[in-house]
Protein backbone atom coordinates (compact mmCIF):
# COMPACT_ATOMS: atom_id res chain seq x y z
CA MET A 1 -85.33 64.59 -45.75
CA GLU A 2 -84.79 62.12 -42.94
CA ILE A 3 -82.19 61.89 -40.19
CA TRP A 4 -81.27 58.59 -38.57
CA HIS A 5 -80.70 59.91 -35.09
CA ASN A 6 -79.52 58.74 -31.69
CA PRO A 7 -80.39 61.42 -29.11
CA ARG A 8 -77.64 60.13 -26.78
CA CYS A 9 -74.94 60.93 -29.36
CA SER A 10 -73.51 64.47 -29.31
CA LYS A 11 -72.73 64.46 -33.05
CA SER A 12 -76.24 63.26 -33.80
CA ARG A 13 -77.75 65.99 -31.61
CA ALA A 14 -75.52 68.58 -33.31
CA ALA A 15 -76.64 67.48 -36.78
CA LYS A 16 -80.29 67.61 -35.73
CA GLN A 17 -79.77 71.08 -34.22
CA ALA A 18 -78.13 72.27 -37.46
CA LEU A 19 -81.20 71.11 -39.41
CA ASP A 20 -83.48 72.85 -36.91
CA ASP A 21 -81.43 76.06 -37.05
CA ALA A 22 -81.59 76.01 -40.86
CA GLY A 23 -85.36 75.59 -40.74
CA VAL A 24 -85.18 72.41 -42.78
CA GLU A 25 -88.18 70.09 -42.71
CA TYR A 26 -87.20 66.51 -41.94
CA THR A 27 -88.37 63.29 -40.38
CA GLU A 28 -86.50 62.10 -37.32
CA ARG A 29 -85.91 58.38 -37.12
CA ARG A 30 -84.53 57.07 -33.87
CA TYR A 31 -82.93 54.17 -35.60
CA LEU A 32 -82.10 52.24 -32.42
CA ASP A 33 -85.84 52.09 -31.67
CA ALA A 34 -86.92 51.66 -35.30
CA PRO A 35 -84.05 49.85 -37.03
CA PRO A 36 -83.78 50.11 -40.80
CA THR A 37 -84.75 47.09 -42.83
CA GLU A 38 -82.18 45.34 -44.96
CA ALA A 39 -83.73 46.95 -48.05
CA GLU A 40 -83.56 50.42 -46.47
CA LEU A 41 -79.92 49.90 -45.50
CA ASP A 42 -79.06 48.70 -48.99
CA HIS A 43 -80.71 51.78 -50.49
CA VAL A 44 -78.97 54.19 -48.09
CA LEU A 45 -75.61 52.52 -48.72
CA THR A 46 -76.16 53.05 -52.45
CA LEU A 47 -76.95 56.73 -51.81
CA LEU A 48 -73.85 57.00 -49.62
CA ASP A 49 -71.74 55.16 -52.21
CA LYS A 50 -70.35 53.07 -49.35
CA GLU A 51 -70.15 49.46 -48.31
CA PRO A 52 -71.74 48.37 -45.01
CA TRP A 53 -68.40 47.83 -43.28
CA GLU A 54 -67.57 51.49 -44.02
CA ILE A 55 -70.44 52.71 -41.82
CA THR A 56 -69.90 50.15 -39.06
CA ARG A 57 -68.97 51.36 -35.58
CA LYS A 58 -66.04 49.05 -34.95
CA GLY A 59 -65.47 50.32 -31.41
CA GLU A 60 -68.85 49.11 -30.16
CA PRO A 61 -68.79 46.14 -27.74
CA ARG A 62 -71.37 44.41 -29.98
CA TYR A 63 -68.86 44.45 -32.86
CA LYS A 64 -66.41 42.50 -30.73
CA GLU A 65 -69.13 40.17 -29.39
CA LEU A 66 -70.07 39.23 -32.95
CA ASN A 67 -66.38 38.68 -33.82
CA LEU A 68 -66.82 40.74 -36.98
CA LYS A 69 -63.17 41.74 -37.30
CA ASP A 70 -62.15 38.23 -38.30
CA GLU A 71 -65.25 37.26 -40.26
CA PRO A 72 -65.02 37.35 -44.06
CA LEU A 73 -68.55 38.57 -44.79
CA ASP A 74 -70.12 39.72 -48.02
CA ARG A 75 -72.28 42.84 -48.46
CA ALA A 76 -75.59 41.03 -47.87
CA GLN A 77 -74.33 39.43 -44.65
CA TRP A 78 -73.09 42.79 -43.36
CA ILE A 79 -76.42 44.45 -44.17
CA LYS A 80 -78.28 41.70 -42.32
CA ILE A 81 -76.02 42.16 -39.27
CA LEU A 82 -76.41 45.96 -39.27
CA SER A 83 -80.19 45.70 -39.57
CA ALA A 84 -80.32 43.28 -36.63
CA ASN A 85 -77.78 45.32 -34.60
CA PRO A 86 -78.44 49.00 -35.37
CA VAL A 87 -76.07 50.12 -32.59
CA LEU A 88 -73.32 49.23 -35.08
CA ILE A 89 -74.50 51.81 -37.64
CA GLU A 90 -72.50 55.04 -37.80
CA ARG A 91 -74.58 58.10 -37.01
CA PRO A 92 -76.14 60.41 -37.77
CA ILE A 93 -77.13 59.70 -41.35
CA VAL A 94 -79.01 62.38 -43.26
CA ILE A 95 -80.99 61.08 -46.22
CA ARG A 96 -82.20 63.29 -49.04
CA ASP A 97 -84.16 62.29 -52.14
CA ASP A 98 -81.11 61.32 -54.18
CA SER A 99 -78.21 61.38 -51.72
CA ALA A 100 -77.20 60.63 -48.15
CA SER A 101 -74.34 61.55 -45.86
CA VAL A 102 -72.90 60.46 -42.55
CA GLU A 103 -72.70 63.73 -40.62
CA ARG A 104 -69.61 63.17 -38.47
């Protein structure tokens, strides 16, 4: 199990604490410091059964800077943008062998 974690986010800290309290073994990935590759994002999106725009933090200043609201982008373009700008990825994401979830 792996958690994509931002220690500055209260929901992310709460999800990590819940895993700790449950005694679950996991790997912590501070995804802002170690951004996921495009292939990793594609895989996690498949596990989530979501499209990249569904896990995008649209309230982030970077979202507005990139003018993403008005850009007609396809899945591959979105994945490339999220990989290059991990601050836009919703968090935390908990990844299991055959599933994943955004723990909000």
